[in-house]
Amino acid sequence: MAINIDELNQFITTDEGKSWLDGQKASLLQNRDQVLSELKKTSGEYSELRRRLEETENTLMSEKAVTSKYLIDSELTCLLKQANVYEDAIPRTIETLKRAYGLTVKTDGDNRTAIGVLKDKDGKDTESTLAAIIDAWTQEPDSKYFIMSGNTGGGATGGSRNASPALSSLDNISGPALAAMSDEEFRNLRNSQLQTNGENK
């Protein structure tokens, strides 16, 4: 049945019409309040889920950082000492190796393994152990500036490393300061000490 707008306008001005209109509005307002309540509840649940997700991500990042420090750094320190790298140069060398070889921690269930990336003979990236990374790095020309010459065996003691007469002045340089040096700065310092040592003989 068609609704006459003029009649409807007249009807809602009457008491009966006002009562009917208020009933319609009350139903709509109730529906609106229900929808808003559901939206508010959903928004609260979303905010809580987002907060928990951020906490989880932060925890994972912290766990990754700690694992990287104690797994990568500790293993590299041991391997670099075995390769007769000057102890004062080890922190700087570790940071260089991390960038150059993409060192990271591989997760497999409860197992954590420190790995890096080497190029194979075809130039493709190959997942490699830290020991293989160190072997490859010691073949690089620049690595000789960090490795004690004339004592390349794995049995060198920490005392003999620190007692190198050619680099005795490095005892006055803190580990963090040495680690902050660029490769060129460290190379120049080493060459200068080698030259000075030669002149004093």
C-alpha atoms as a PDB file:
ATOM      1  CA  MET A   1       0.000   0.000   0.000  1.00  0.00           C
ATOM      2  CA  ALA A   2       1.408   3.395  -1.039  1.00  0.00           C
ATOM      3  CA  ILE A   3       2.139   5.863   1.757  1.00  0.00           C
ATOM      4  CA  ASN A   4       0.945   9.410   1.369  1.00  0.00           C
ATOM      5  CA  ILE A   5       3.660  11.687   2.718  1.00  0.00           C
ATOM      6  CA  ASP A   6       1.244  14.482   3.548  1.00  0.00           C
ATOM      7  CA  GLU A   7      -0.958  12.118   5.542  1.00  0.00           C
ATOM      8  CA  LEU A   8       2.081  10.698   7.326  1.00  0.00           C
ATOM      9  CA  ASN A   9       3.269  14.184   8.278  1.00  0.00           C
ATOM     10  CA  GLN A  10      -0.168  14.972   9.642  1.00  0.00           C
ATOM     11  CA  PHE A  11      -0.321  11.661  11.515  1.00  0.00           C
ATOM     12  CA  ILE A  12       2.962  12.130  13.400  1.00  0.00           C
ATOM     13  CA  THR A  13       1.744  15.471  14.738  1.00  0.00           C
ATOM     14  CA  THR A  14      -1.032  13.705  16.604  1.00  0.00           C
ATOM     15  CA  ASP A  15      -0.530  12.084  20.018  1.00  0.00           C
ATOM     16  CA  GLU A  16      -0.976   8.640  18.485  1.00  0.00           C
ATOM     17  CA  GLY A  17       1.498   9.474  15.740  1.00  0.00           C
ATOM     18  CA  LYS A  18       4.080  10.825  18.193  1.00  0.00           C
ATOM     19  CA  SER A  19       3.774   7.688  20.300  1.00  0.00           C
ATOM     20  CA  TRP A  20       4.283   5.500  17.234  1.00  0.00           C
ATOM     21  CA  LEU A  21       7.290   7.577  16.080  1.00  0.00           C
ATOM     22  CA  ASP A  22       8.888   7.421  19.529  1.00  0.00           C
ATOM     23  CA  GLY A  23       8.515   3.639  19.471  1.00  0.00           C
ATOM     24  CA  GLN A  24      10.270   3.461  16.092  1.00  0.00           C
ATOM     25  CA  LYS A  25      13.072   5.730  17.305  1.00  0.00           C
ATOM     26  CA  ALA A  26      13.510   3.739  20.527  1.00  0.00           C
ATOM     27  CA  SER A  27      13.999   0.533  18.528  1.00  0.00           C
ATOM     28  CA  LEU A  28      16.549   2.203  16.252  1.00  0.00           C
ATOM     29  CA  LEU A  29      18.418   3.727  19.186  1.00  0.00           C
ATOM     30  CA  GLN A  30      18.561   0.357  20.909  1.00  0.00           C
ATOM     31  CA  ASN A  31      19.989  -1.263  17.786  1.00  0.00           C
ATOM     32  CA  ARG A  32      22.505   1.586  17.504  1.00  0.00           C
ATOM     33  CA  ASP A  33      23.628   1.142  21.122  1.00  0.00           C
ATOM     34  CA  GLN A  34      24.060  -2.601  20.597  1.00  0.00           C
ATOM     35  CA  VAL A  35      26.180  -2.022  17.506  1.00  0.00           C
ATOM     36  CA  LEU A  36      28.332   0.575  19.313  1.00  0.00           C
ATOM     37  CA  SER A  37      28.767  -1.781  22.276  1.00  0.00           C
ATOM     38  CA  GLU A  38      29.933  -4.593  19.983  1.00  0.00           C
ATOM     39  CA  LEU A  39      32.311  -2.232  18.187  1.00  0.00           C
ATOM     40  CA  LYS A  40      33.745  -1.019  21.494  1.00  0.00           C
ATOM     41  CA  LYS A  41      34.223  -4.592  22.698  1.00  0.00           C
ATOM     42  CA  THR A  42      35.874  -5.598  19.428  1.00  0.00           C
ATOM     43  CA  SER A  43      38.120  -2.532  19.554  1.00  0.00           C
ATOM     44  CA  GLY A  44      39.184  -3.409  23.095  1.00  0.00           C
ATOM     45  CA  GLU A  45      39.936  -6.989  22.124  1.00  0.00           C
ATOM     46  CA  TYR A  46      41.928  -5.772  19.111  1.00  0.00           C
ATOM     47  CA  SER A  47      43.929  -3.370  21.274  1.00  0.00           C
ATOM     48  CA  GLU A  48      44.719  -6.158  23.741  1.00  0.00           C
ATOM     49  CA  LEU A  49      45.742  -8.530  20.961  1.00  0.00           C
ATOM     50  CA  ARG A  50      47.922  -5.796  19.427  1.00  0.00           C
ATOM     51  CA  ARG A  51      49.586  -5.140  22.797  1.00  0.00           C
ATOM     52  CA  ARG A  52      50.289  -8.837  23.321  1.00  0.00           C
ATOM     53  CA  LEU A  53      51.661  -9.122  19.798  1.00  0.00           C
ATOM     54  CA  GLU A  54      54.031  -6.197  20.385  1.00  0.00           C
ATOM     55  CA  GLU A  55      55.187  -7.723  23.666  1.00  0.00           C
ATOM     56  CA  THR A  56      55.837 -11.033  21.929  1.00  0.00           C
ATOM     57  CA  GLU A  57      57.754  -9.336  19.114  1.00  0.00           C
ATOM     58  CA  ASN A  58      59.865  -7.400  21.626  1.00  0.00           C
ATOM     59  CA  THR A  59      60.584 -10.600  23.548  1.00  0.00           C
ATOM     60  CA  LEU A  60      61.613 -12.374  20.349  1.00  0.00           C
ATOM     61  CA  MET A  61      63.880  -9.481  19.368  1.00  0.00           C
ATOM     62  CA  SER A  62      65.524  -9.519  22.793  1.00  0.00           C
ATOM     63  CA  GLU A  63      65.951 -13.287  22.646  1.00  0.00           C
ATOM     64  CA  LYS A  64      67.473 -12.993  19.180  1.00  0.00           C
ATOM     65  CA  ALA A  65      69.889 -10.276  20.301  1.00  0.00           C
ATOM     66  CA  VAL A  66      70.993 -12.257  23.362  1.00  0.00           C
ATOM     67  CA  THR A  67      71.325 -15.471  21.368  1.00  0.00           C
ATOM     68  CA  SER A  68      73.326 -13.663  18.694  1.00  0.00           C
ATOM     69  CA  LYS A  69      75.675 -12.153  21.275  1.00  0.00           C
ATOM     70  CA  TYR A  70      76.375 -15.341  23.173  1.00  0.00           C
ATOM     71  CA  LEU A  71      76.266 -17.766  20.265  1.00  0.00           C
ATOM     72  CA  ILE A  72      77.842 -15.813  17.398  1.00  0.00           C
ATOM     73  CA  ASP A  73      80.176 -13.575  19.415  1.00  0.00           C
ATOM     74  CA  SER A  74      81.391 -16.326  21.731  1.00  0.00           C
ATOM     75  CA  GLU A  75      82.039 -18.831  18.957  1.00  0.00           C
ATOM     76  CA  LEU A  76      83.703 -16.211  16.762  1.00  0.00           C
ATOM     77  CA  THR A  77      85.934 -15.068  19.618  1.00  0.00           C
ATOM     78  CA  CYS A  78      87.129 -18.633  20.132  1.00  0.00           C
ATOM     79  CA  LEU A  79      87.703 -19.196  16.401  1.00  0.00           C
ATOM     80  CA  LEU A  80      89.532 -15.881  15.959  1.00  0.00           C
ATOM     81  CA  LYS A  81      91.845 -16.661  18.875  1.00  0.00           C
ATOM     82  CA  GLN A  82      92.599 -20.024  17.270  1.00  0.00           C
ATOM     83  CA  ALA A  83      93.394 -18.145  14.040  1.00  0.00           C
ATOM     84  CA  ASN A  84      95.864 -15.973  16.030  1.00  0.00           C
ATOM     85  CA  VAL A  85      93.997 -12.714  15.536  1.00  0.00           C
ATOM     86  CA  TYR A  86      95.271  -9.992  17.880  1.00  0.00           C
ATOM     87  CA  GLU A  87      92.934  -9.977  20.873  1.00  0.00           C
ATOM     88  CA  ASP A  88      92.487  -6.205  20.796  1.00  0.00           C
ATOM     89  CA  ALA A  89      91.282  -6.491  17.194  1.00  0.00           C
ATOM     90  CA  ILE A  90      88.730  -9.242  17.836  1.00  0.00           C
ATOM     91  CA  PRO A  91      85.689  -7.000  18.626  1.00  0.00           C
ATOM     92  CA  ARG A  92      86.211  -4.979  15.437  1.00  0.00           C
ATOM     93  CA  THR A  93      86.780  -8.158  13.424  1.00  0.00           C
ATOM     94  CA  ILE A  94      83.570  -9.732  14.727  1.00  0.00           C
ATOM     95  CA  GLU A  95      81.505  -6.724  13.599  1.00  0.00           C
ATOM     96  CA  THR A  96      83.206  -6.789  10.194  1.00  0.00           C
ATOM     97  CA  LEU A  97      82.509 -10.505   9.764  1.00  0.00           C
ATOM     98  CA  LYS A  98      78.857 -10.080  10.740  1.00  0.00           C
ATOM     99  CA  ARG A  99      78.333  -7.533   7.977  1.00  0.00           C
ATOM    100  CA  ALA A 100      80.509  -9.170   5.331  1.00  0.00           C
ATOM    101  CA  TYR A 101      79.145 -12.693   5.703  1.00  0.00           C
ATOM    102  CA  GLY A 102      75.577 -12.065   6.904  1.00  0.00           C
ATOM    103  CA  LEU A 103      76.071 -13.908  10.175  1.00  0.00           C
ATOM    104  CA  THR A 104      72.856 -14.881  11.902  1.00  0.00           C
ATOM    105  CA  VAL A 105      71.338 -17.518  14.164  1.00  0.00           C
ATOM    106  CA  LYS A 106      69.371 -20.315  12.534  1.00  0.00           C
ATOM    107  CA  THR A 107      66.455 -21.672  14.575  1.00  0.00           C
ATOM    108  CA  ASP A 108      65.272 -25.265  14.312  1.00  0.00           C
ATOM    109  CA  GLY A 109      62.900 -26.096  17.144  1.00  0.00           C
ATOM    110  CA  ASP A 110      64.930 -25.815  20.342  1.00  0.00           C
ATOM    111  CA  ASN A 111      68.227 -25.795  18.433  1.00  0.00           C
ATOM    112  CA  ARG A 112      70.149 -22.606  17.661  1.00  0.00           C
ATOM    113  CA  THR A 113      73.039 -22.618  15.190  1.00  0.00           C
ATOM    114  CA  ALA A 114      75.280 -19.729  14.174  1.00  0.00           C
ATOM    115  CA  ILE A 115      75.663 -19.576  10.398  1.00  0.00           C
ATOM    116  CA  GLY A 116      76.860 -17.278   7.634  1.00  0.00           C
ATOM    117  CA  VAL A 117      76.828 -17.045   3.858  1.00  0.00           C
ATOM    118  CA  LEU A 118      79.692 -17.848   1.489  1.00  0.00           C
ATOM    119  CA  LYS A 119      79.812 -17.715  -2.299  1.00  0.00           C
ATOM    120  CA  ASP A 120      80.367 -21.082  -3.935  1.00  0.00           C
ATOM    121  CA  LYS A 121      82.426 -21.562  -7.098  1.00  0.00           C
ATOM    122  CA  ASP A 122      79.376 -20.623  -9.180  1.00  0.00           C
ATOM    123  CA  GLY A 123      78.867 -17.394  -7.239  1.00  0.00           C
ATOM    124  CA  LYS A 124      75.773 -18.633  -5.425  1.00  0.00           C
ATOM    125  CA  ASP A 125      75.144 -17.957  -1.741  1.00  0.00           C
ATOM    126  CA  THR A 126      75.748 -21.027   0.398  1.00  0.00           C
ATOM    127  CA  GLU A 127      74.897 -21.463   4.065  1.00  0.00           C
ATOM    128  CA  SER A 128      78.126 -22.079   5.973  1.00  0.00           C
ATOM    129  CA  THR A 129      79.376 -22.679   9.493  1.00  0.00           C
ATOM    130  CA  LEU A 130      81.350 -20.032  11.366  1.00  0.00           C
ATOM    131  CA  ALA A 131      84.456 -22.206  11.109  1.00  0.00           C
ATOM    132  CA  ALA A 132      84.143 -22.172   7.308  1.00  0.00           C
ATOM    133  CA  ILE A 133      83.592 -18.401   7.411  1.00  0.00           C
ATOM    134  CA  ILE A 134      86.809 -17.900   9.378  1.00  0.00           C
ATOM    135  CA  ASP A 135      88.711 -20.176   6.994  1.00  0.00           C
ATOM    136  CA  ALA A 136      87.486 -18.093   4.062  1.00  0.00           C
ATOM    137  CA  TRP A 137      88.220 -14.797   5.818  1.00  0.00           C
ATOM    138  CA  THR A 138      91.810 -15.763   6.645  1.00  0.00           C
ATOM    139  CA  GLN A 139      92.399 -16.160   2.899  1.00  0.00           C
ATOM    140  CA  GLU A 140      91.370 -12.543   2.275  1.00  0.00           C
ATOM    141  CA  PRO A 141      94.317 -10.128   1.764  1.00  0.00           C
ATOM    142  CA  ASP A 142      93.180  -7.675   4.455  1.00  0.00           C
ATOM    143  CA  SER A 143      92.939 -10.363   7.131  1.00  0.00           C
ATOM    144  CA  LYS A 144      96.750 -10.488   7.445  1.00  0.00           C
ATOM    145  CA  TYR A 145      96.660  -7.110   9.200  1.00  0.00           C
ATOM    146  CA  PHE A 146      94.713  -8.678  12.057  1.00  0.00           C
ATOM    147  CA  ILE A 147      96.629 -11.955  12.338  1.00  0.00           C
ATOM    148  CA  MET A 148      99.961 -12.336  14.107  1.00  0.00           C
ATOM    149  CA  SER A 149     102.662 -13.079  11.587  1.00  0.00           C
ATOM    150  CA  GLY A 150     105.130 -15.890  12.178  1.00  0.00           C
ATOM    151  CA  ASN A 151     102.768 -17.706  14.541  1.00  0.00           C
ATOM    152  CA  THR A 152      99.865 -19.152  12.580  1.00  0.00           C
ATOM    153  CA  GLY A 153      99.280 -22.379  14.497  1.00  0.00           C
ATOM    154  CA  GLY A 154      96.196 -22.992  16.590  1.00  0.00           C
ATOM    155  CA  GLY A 155      98.197 -23.512  19.773  1.00  0.00           C
ATOM    156  CA  ALA A 156      99.306 -19.932  20.382  1.00  0.00           C
ATOM    157  CA  THR A 157      98.578 -18.665  23.873  1.00  0.00           C
ATOM    158  CA  GLY A 158      96.740 -15.515  24.796  1.00  0.00           C
ATOM    159  CA  GLY A 159      99.864 -14.246  26.561  1.00  0.00           C
ATOM    160  CA  SER A 160     101.963 -14.434  23.408  1.00  0.00           C
ATOM    161  CA  ARG A 161      99.354 -12.490  21.479  1.00  0.00           C
ATOM    162  CA  ASN A 162      99.314  -9.640  23.954  1.00  0.00           C
ATOM    163  CA  ALA A 163     103.103  -9.596  24.197  1.00  0.00           C
ATOM    164  CA  SER A 164     103.716  -8.817  20.510  1.00  0.00           C
ATOM    165  CA  PRO A 165     106.560  -6.225  20.551  1.00  0.00           C
ATOM    166  CA  ALA A 166     105.527  -4.786  17.204  1.00  0.00           C
ATOM    167  CA  LEU A 167     102.144  -3.825  18.606  1.00  0.00           C
ATOM    168  CA  SER A 168     103.100  -3.108  22.212  1.00  0.00           C
ATOM    169  CA  SER A 169     101.663   0.434  22.063  1.00  0.00           C
ATOM    170  CA  LEU A 170      98.222  -1.029  21.403  1.00  0.00           C
ATOM    171  CA  ASP A 171      98.131  -1.946  25.103  1.00  0.00           C
ATOM    172  CA  ASN A 172      97.239   1.690  25.759  1.00  0.00           C
ATOM    173  CA  ILE A 173      94.243   1.602  23.407  1.00  0.00           C
ATOM    174  CA  SER A 174      90.974   0.363  24.847  1.00  0.00           C
ATOM    175  CA  GLY A 175      89.085  -2.447  23.180  1.00  0.00           C
ATOM    176  CA  PRO A 176      86.067  -0.234  22.301  1.00  0.00           C
ATOM    177  CA  ALA A 177      88.342   2.451  20.823  1.00  0.00           C
ATOM    178  CA  LEU A 178      90.163  -0.115  18.716  1.00  0.00           C
ATOM    179  CA  ALA A 179      86.878  -1.681  17.647  1.00  0.00           C
ATOM    180  CA  ALA A 180      85.691   1.731  16.449  1.00  0.00           C
ATOM    181  CA  MET A 181      88.675   2.099  14.115  1.00  0.00           C
ATOM    182  CA  SER A 182      88.182   1.621  10.412  1.00  0.00           C
ATOM    183  CA  ASP A 183      90.135  -1.134   8.673  1.00  0.00           C
ATOM    184  CA  GLU A 184      92.388   1.492   7.132  1.00  0.00           C
ATOM    185  CA  GLU A 185      93.084   3.165  10.489  1.00  0.00           C
ATOM    186  CA  PHE A 186      94.006  -0.140  12.100  1.00  0.00           C
ATOM    187  CA  ARG A 187      96.220  -1.061   9.120  1.00  0.00           C
ATOM    188  CA  ASN A 188      98.035   2.278   9.299  1.00  0.00           C
ATOM    189  CA  LEU A 189      98.571   1.929  13.042  1.00  0.00           C
ATOM    190  CA  ARG A 190      99.940  -1.569  12.664  1.00  0.00           C
ATOM    191  CA  ASN A 191     102.274  -0.575   9.829  1.00  0.00           C
ATOM    192  CA  SER A 192     103.497   2.381  11.880  1.00  0.00           C
ATOM    193  CA  GLN A 193     104.284   0.128  14.846  1.00  0.00           C
ATOM    194  CA  LEU A 194     106.038  -2.400  12.631  1.00  0.00           C
ATOM    195  CA  GLN A 195     108.173   0.382  11.162  1.00  0.00           C
ATOM    196  CA  THR A 196     108.972   1.822  14.602  1.00  0.00           C
ATOM    197  CA  ASN A 197     109.902  -1.604  15.909  1.00  0.00           C
ATOM    198  CA  GLY A 198     112.225  -2.129  12.936  1.00  0.00           C
ATOM    199  CA  GLU A 199     113.977   1.171  13.520  1.00  0.00           C
ATOM    200  CA  ASN A 200     114.525   0.372  17.212  1.00  0.00           C
ATOM    201  CA  LYS A 201     116.307  -2.913  16.496  1.00  0.00           C
END
